[in-house]
Amino acid sequence: MSAQSNVGLDSGITGPTMPETAKAMLIVNMWVGRLEIIPVAVLLGAVFRRFDLYR
C-alpha cells in the first residue's frame, strides 16, 4: 500500500537483499500509484484490445 500511494513509508520490508520479483512488483506498484489506477486500467484495456487478447 505504501508503494502504490507513494508515501515513502516502509516497515523494514524493502531493501537491497529483496528477491528480484519483489523488486519488480514494487516498481509496478509505484508506477501504478504515480499514474493512478484508472488511467493504467484504460491503457491496459486498450493494449489488450489492440492485440486481441480478450477472449
Protein backbone atom coordinates (compact mmCIF):
# COMPACT_ATOMS: atom_id res chain seq x y z
CA MET A 1 0.00 0.00 0.00
CA SER A 2 2.87 2.33 0.76
CA ALA A 3 4.40 1.83 -2.69
CA GLN A 4 1.13 2.41 -4.52
CA SER A 5 0.21 5.53 -2.57
CA ASN A 6 3.74 7.00 -2.93
CA VAL A 7 4.07 7.98 0.71
CA GLY A 8 7.56 6.53 1.07
CA LEU A 9 6.87 4.59 4.24
CA ASP A 10 8.12 1.09 4.77
CA SER A 11 8.49 -1.05 7.84
CA GLY A 12 11.84 -2.58 7.02
CA ILE A 13 10.38 -4.90 4.39
CA THR A 14 12.19 -3.33 1.45
CA GLY A 15 15.93 -3.47 0.98
CA PRO A 16 18.76 -4.35 -1.37
CA THR A 17 18.56 -8.04 -0.48
CA MET A 18 14.96 -8.41 -1.69
CA PRO A 19 14.27 -11.00 -4.39
CA GLU A 20 14.11 -9.62 -7.91
CA THR A 21 10.41 -10.48 -8.27
CA ALA A 22 9.57 -8.46 -5.15
CA LYS A 23 11.55 -5.51 -6.50
CA ALA A 24 9.69 -5.74 -9.82
CA MET A 25 6.32 -5.81 -8.04
CA LEU A 26 7.27 -2.73 -6.01
CA ILE A 27 8.29 -0.92 -9.20
CA VAL A 28 4.96 -1.78 -10.84
CA ASN A 29 3.02 -0.69 -7.74
CA MET A 30 4.91 2.61 -7.57
CA TRP A 31 4.27 3.23 -11.28
CA VAL A 32 0.55 2.46 -10.96
CA GLY A 33 0.33 4.63 -7.84
CA ARG A 34 2.02 7.53 -9.56
CA LEU A 35 -0.23 7.38 -12.62
CA GLU A 36 -3.38 6.39 -10.70
CA ILE A 37 -5.29 3.16 -11.20
CA ILE A 38 -7.95 4.21 -13.73
CA PRO A 39 -5.58 5.53 -16.44
CA VAL A 40 -3.43 2.39 -16.12
CA ALA A 41 -6.53 0.19 -16.41
CA VAL A 42 -7.63 2.09 -19.54
CA LEU A 43 -4.12 1.76 -21.01
CA LEU A 44 -4.03 -2.00 -20.36
CA GLY A 45 -7.54 -2.39 -21.78
CA ALA A 46 -6.52 -0.58 -24.97
CA VAL A 47 -3.41 -2.74 -25.33
CA PHE A 48 -5.41 -5.93 -24.78
CA ARG A 49 -7.98 -4.88 -27.37
CA ARG A 50 -5.37 -3.84 -29.90
CA PHE A 51 -3.58 -7.19 -29.75
CA ASP A 52 -6.88 -9.11 -29.48
CA LEU A 53 -6.02 -10.60 -26.10
CA TYR A 54 -9.62 -10.51 -24.87
CA ARG A 55 -11.25 -13.89 -25.40
